Amino acid sequence: MTIAVPGSLGLADEDVRGVLALARASVSGVRFEVRPEQIELHTATPHSREARLACGVALLNVRLALQGHGIRPLVTLLPGPSANDAAAAIRLGGYQEPSPDVLALLHALRTNRRTWTTFPEPAAWRGLLSRAAEVERAWLHVKNGAELVLCTFTQGACAEIRAGQAMQRVILTAGTVGFCVSPAHDPVSPAALRADLRPLLGNTVVPQVVLRLGTATDTD
């Protein structure tokens, strides 16, 4: 049975369903409320850091999907009662043809292929992934040859949602050039990360997520 989804942001209901399908890729625990003037993202457990990171991943996905339709999304984090206390709300911010970078990220999101079999050289990824993090107002610290720490410049709920967006953009950006980045299987608490990295980073940034470079096999 097809679930009825209203049109939103000038898109027909069928297009909105496609946007939400892409938004849900690789993430769970995020609920969408679709209204004619905005799309809201809600978390099942609003006080959970993990839920806010997942919301950031879904938010980046829906932003890319909307950009693929030529829509420039206008995002408000934690908009309050005006959006039913959503974690994020997206409104129409105008129209713009999708850039080649957006199209490449969308392709990585849609295909989700895992065909990487070689480990990338540092020169192939450092600048590329650092710039991807910076687009989302985050910063990437290279801890060692295969481990990256994604940091934000502030802490709190909004920073955690931004970290989720930055993490997803870094992962997808790596996919566009054929190698794998993924969250660490054994996540470290932000407090432990902060204590570990303070001698190197001081108190200027807040460590949020550990990412790892690696190889993988095709899952299609």
Protein backbone atom coordinates (compact mmCIF):
# COMPACT_ATOMS: atom_id res chain seq x y z
CA MET A 1 0.00 0.00 0.00
CA THR A 2 1.32 3.45 -0.93
CA ILE A 3 1.29 5.89 1.96
CA ALA A 4 -0.29 9.22 1.03
CA VAL A 5 2.21 12.07 1.17
CA PRO A 6 1.11 15.62 0.38
CA GLY A 7 2.97 17.90 -1.96
CA SER A 8 5.41 20.31 -0.36
CA LEU A 9 7.78 23.14 -1.30
CA GLY A 10 6.22 23.24 -4.76
CA LEU A 11 6.83 19.53 -5.42
CA ALA A 12 4.08 17.08 -6.31
CA ASP A 13 3.27 14.29 -3.84
CA GLU A 14 5.09 11.68 -5.95
CA ASP A 15 8.26 13.77 -5.97
CA VAL A 16 8.03 14.29 -2.21
CA ARG A 17 7.78 10.53 -1.71
CA GLY A 18 10.98 10.15 -3.72
CA VAL A 19 12.72 12.81 -1.64
CA LEU A 20 11.74 11.07 1.60
CA ALA A 21 12.85 7.68 0.28
CA LEU A 22 16.31 9.09 -0.38
CA ALA A 23 16.29 10.94 2.94
CA ARG A 24 15.77 7.68 4.80
CA ALA A 25 18.68 5.95 3.07
CA SER A 26 21.21 4.59 5.57
CA VAL A 27 19.41 6.02 8.59
CA SER A 28 16.56 5.07 10.91
CA GLY A 29 14.74 6.63 13.84
CA VAL A 30 13.84 9.86 12.05
CA ARG A 31 10.21 10.78 11.37
CA PHE A 32 9.14 13.25 8.68
CA GLU A 33 6.13 15.55 8.85
CA VAL A 34 5.26 16.98 5.44
CA ARG A 35 3.35 20.25 5.21
CA PRO A 36 2.76 22.43 2.14
CA GLU A 37 5.22 25.07 3.34
CA GLN A 38 7.84 22.93 5.07
CA ILE A 39 9.22 19.46 5.75
CA GLU A 40 9.97 18.70 9.39
CA LEU A 41 12.39 16.13 10.81
CA HIS A 42 11.54 14.67 14.21
CA THR A 43 13.57 12.25 16.31
CA ALA A 44 11.99 9.46 18.33
CA THR A 45 14.23 10.27 21.31
CA PRO A 46 14.89 14.02 21.18
CA HIS A 47 17.36 14.01 24.08
CA SER A 48 19.60 11.34 22.55
CA ARG A 49 22.89 12.40 20.99
CA GLU A 50 22.76 9.39 18.64
CA ALA A 51 19.28 10.41 17.48
CA ARG A 52 20.50 13.92 16.69
CA LEU A 53 23.45 12.57 14.70
CA ALA A 54 21.03 10.33 12.75
CA CYS A 55 18.80 13.34 12.17
CA GLY A 56 21.78 15.18 10.70
CA VAL A 57 22.42 12.31 8.29
CA ALA A 58 18.76 12.32 7.18
CA LEU A 59 18.81 16.11 6.90
CA LEU A 60 21.79 16.08 4.56
CA ASN A 61 20.07 13.39 2.48
CA VAL A 62 16.84 15.38 2.12
CA ARG A 63 18.77 18.57 1.31
CA LEU A 64 20.58 16.78 -1.52
CA ALA A 65 17.34 15.21 -2.78
CA LEU A 66 15.64 18.62 -2.87
CA GLN A 67 18.62 20.18 -4.62
CA GLY A 68 18.34 17.44 -7.22
CA HIS A 69 14.87 18.83 -7.97
CA GLY A 70 16.28 22.34 -8.35
CA ILE A 71 15.11 23.50 -4.92
CA ARG A 72 17.42 25.47 -2.64
CA PRO A 73 16.51 24.28 0.88
CA LEU A 74 16.33 26.78 3.73
CA VAL A 75 17.06 24.87 6.95
CA THR A 76 16.29 25.87 10.53
CA LEU A 77 17.66 23.68 13.32
CA LEU A 78 15.54 23.29 16.45
CA PRO A 79 12.88 25.73 15.17
CA GLY A 80 10.69 25.38 18.26
CA PRO A 81 6.88 25.53 18.48
CA SER A 82 6.51 26.93 14.96
CA ALA A 83 7.50 23.48 13.67
CA ASN A 84 6.05 21.33 16.46
CA ASP A 85 9.42 21.18 18.24
CA ALA A 86 11.05 19.42 15.31
CA ALA A 87 14.78 18.79 15.23
CA ALA A 88 14.90 20.60 11.88
CA ALA A 89 12.55 22.27 9.42
CA ILE A 90 13.16 22.82 5.72
CA ARG A 91 11.45 25.59 3.76
CA LEU A 92 11.72 26.78 0.19
CA GLY A 93 14.72 29.06 -0.17
CA GLY A 94 14.47 29.58 -3.91
CA TYR A 95 15.40 27.64 -7.01
CA GLN A 96 18.78 26.66 -8.37
CA GLU A 97 20.01 24.11 -10.89
CA PRO A 98 21.90 21.29 -9.13
CA SER A 99 25.67 21.63 -9.36
CA PRO A 100 27.92 18.79 -10.57
CA ASP A 101 29.01 18.25 -6.95
CA VAL A 102 25.40 17.79 -5.82
CA LEU A 103 24.70 15.37 -8.67
CA ALA A 104 27.80 13.33 -7.78
CA LEU A 105 26.74 13.12 -4.11
CA LEU A 106 23.23 12.11 -5.14
CA HIS A 107 24.65 9.35 -7.31
CA ALA A 108 26.69 8.07 -4.36
CA LEU A 109 23.58 8.19 -2.16
CA ARG A 110 21.40 6.36 -4.69
CA THR A 111 23.83 3.62 -5.62
CA ASN A 112 25.41 3.01 -2.21
CA ARG A 113 27.92 0.72 -3.87
CA ARG A 114 30.74 -0.93 -1.93
CA THR A 115 33.31 -1.81 -4.56
CA TRP A 116 36.41 -0.30 -2.96
CA THR A 117 39.30 -2.74 -2.82
CA THR A 118 42.34 -0.51 -2.39
CA PHE A 119 43.33 1.81 0.41
CA PRO A 120 43.57 5.45 -0.74
CA GLU A 121 46.75 7.45 -0.49
CA PRO A 122 46.53 10.48 1.83
CA ALA A 123 46.96 12.90 -1.07
CA ALA A 124 43.78 11.48 -2.62
CA TRP A 125 41.48 12.27 0.26
CA ARG A 126 42.76 14.74 2.84
CA GLY A 127 41.84 17.96 1.09
CA LEU A 128 38.69 16.52 -0.46
CA LEU A 129 37.19 15.23 2.78
CA SER A 130 38.31 18.25 4.79
CA ARG A 131 36.47 20.53 2.38
CA ALA A 132 33.37 18.33 2.60
CA ALA A 133 33.34 18.74 6.40
CA GLU A 134 33.90 22.49 6.11
CA VAL A 135 30.82 22.87 3.88
CA GLU A 136 28.78 21.71 6.89
CA ARG A 137 30.63 24.01 9.30
CA ALA A 138 32.70 21.19 10.75
CA TRP A 139 36.37 20.30 10.83
CA LEU A 140 38.17 17.02 10.14
CA HIS A 141 41.18 16.03 12.22
CA VAL A 142 43.39 13.22 10.91
CA LYS A 143 44.24 11.21 14.00
CA ASN A 144 46.33 8.62 12.18
CA GLY A 145 46.56 7.09 8.74
CA ALA A 146 43.13 5.46 8.81
CA GLU A 147 41.23 7.28 11.55
CA LEU A 148 39.53 10.67 11.29
CA VAL A 149 37.82 12.70 13.97
CA LEU A 150 34.96 14.94 12.90
CA CYS A 151 34.75 18.05 15.07
CA THR A 152 32.38 20.98 15.44
CA PHE A 153 33.18 24.47 16.67
CA THR A 154 30.44 24.45 19.29
CA GLN A 155 28.69 21.84 21.40
CA GLY A 156 25.05 21.05 22.08
CA ALA A 157 22.05 19.78 20.15
CA CYS A 158 22.51 21.94 17.03
CA ALA A 159 26.19 21.02 16.84
CA GLU A 160 25.32 17.32 16.96
CA ILE A 161 22.83 17.68 14.10
CA ARG A 162 25.49 19.55 12.11
CA ALA A 163 27.96 16.77 12.89
CA GLY A 164 25.52 14.24 11.43
CA GLN A 165 25.22 16.29 8.25
CA ALA A 166 29.00 16.67 7.99
CA MET A 167 29.54 12.96 8.59
CA GLN A 168 27.15 12.03 5.79
CA ARG A 169 28.69 14.54 3.37
CA VAL A 170 32.17 13.17 4.11
CA ILE A 171 30.98 9.58 3.59
CA LEU A 172 29.22 10.40 0.32
CA THR A 173 32.12 12.53 -0.92
CA ALA A 174 34.48 9.61 -0.39
CA GLY A 175 32.07 7.44 -2.39
CA THR A 176 32.17 9.83 -5.34
CA VAL A 177 35.87 9.10 -5.84
CA GLY A 178 35.75 5.40 -5.10
CA PHE A 179 36.82 4.78 -1.53
CA CYS A 180 35.12 4.00 1.75
CA VAL A 181 34.66 6.06 4.90
CA SER A 182 32.40 4.79 7.67
CA PRO A 183 31.68 5.48 11.35
CA ALA A 184 33.83 3.52 13.78
CA HIS A 185 32.20 0.28 14.93
CA ASP A 186 33.35 0.96 18.49
CA PRO A 187 32.21 4.58 19.03
CA VAL A 188 34.08 6.63 21.61
CA SER A 189 32.23 9.03 23.87
CA PRO A 190 32.72 12.74 23.10
CA ALA A 191 34.19 13.25 26.59
CA ALA A 192 36.81 10.56 26.02
CA LEU A 193 37.62 11.97 22.58
CA ARG A 194 37.96 15.45 24.02
CA ALA A 195 40.33 14.27 26.73
CA ASP A 196 42.40 12.31 24.21
CA LEU A 197 42.70 15.16 21.71
CA ARG A 198 42.99 18.14 24.06
CA PRO A 199 46.82 18.17 23.94
CA LEU A 200 46.59 18.47 20.13
CA LEU A 201 43.46 20.56 19.62
CA GLY A 202 43.05 22.49 22.87
CA ASN A 203 39.52 23.71 23.51
CA THR A 204 38.93 25.27 20.10
CA VAL A 205 36.87 22.42 18.63
CA VAL A 206 34.55 19.73 19.96
CA PRO A 207 35.23 16.14 18.78
CA GLN A 208 31.97 14.46 17.75
CA VAL A 209 32.46 11.31 15.64
CA VAL A 210 35.30 8.94 14.77
CA LEU A 211 35.40 7.87 11.11
CA ARG A 212 37.59 5.23 9.52
CA LEU A 213 38.95 4.77 6.03
CA GLY A 214 38.97 1.25 4.76
CA THR A 215 38.23 -1.18 1.97
CA ALA A 216 35.00 -2.98 1.30
CA THR A 217 33.39 -5.40 -1.14
CA ASP A 218 30.36 -4.92 -3.35
CA THR A 219 27.01 -5.44 -1.56
CA ASP A 220 24.71 -5.20 -4.60
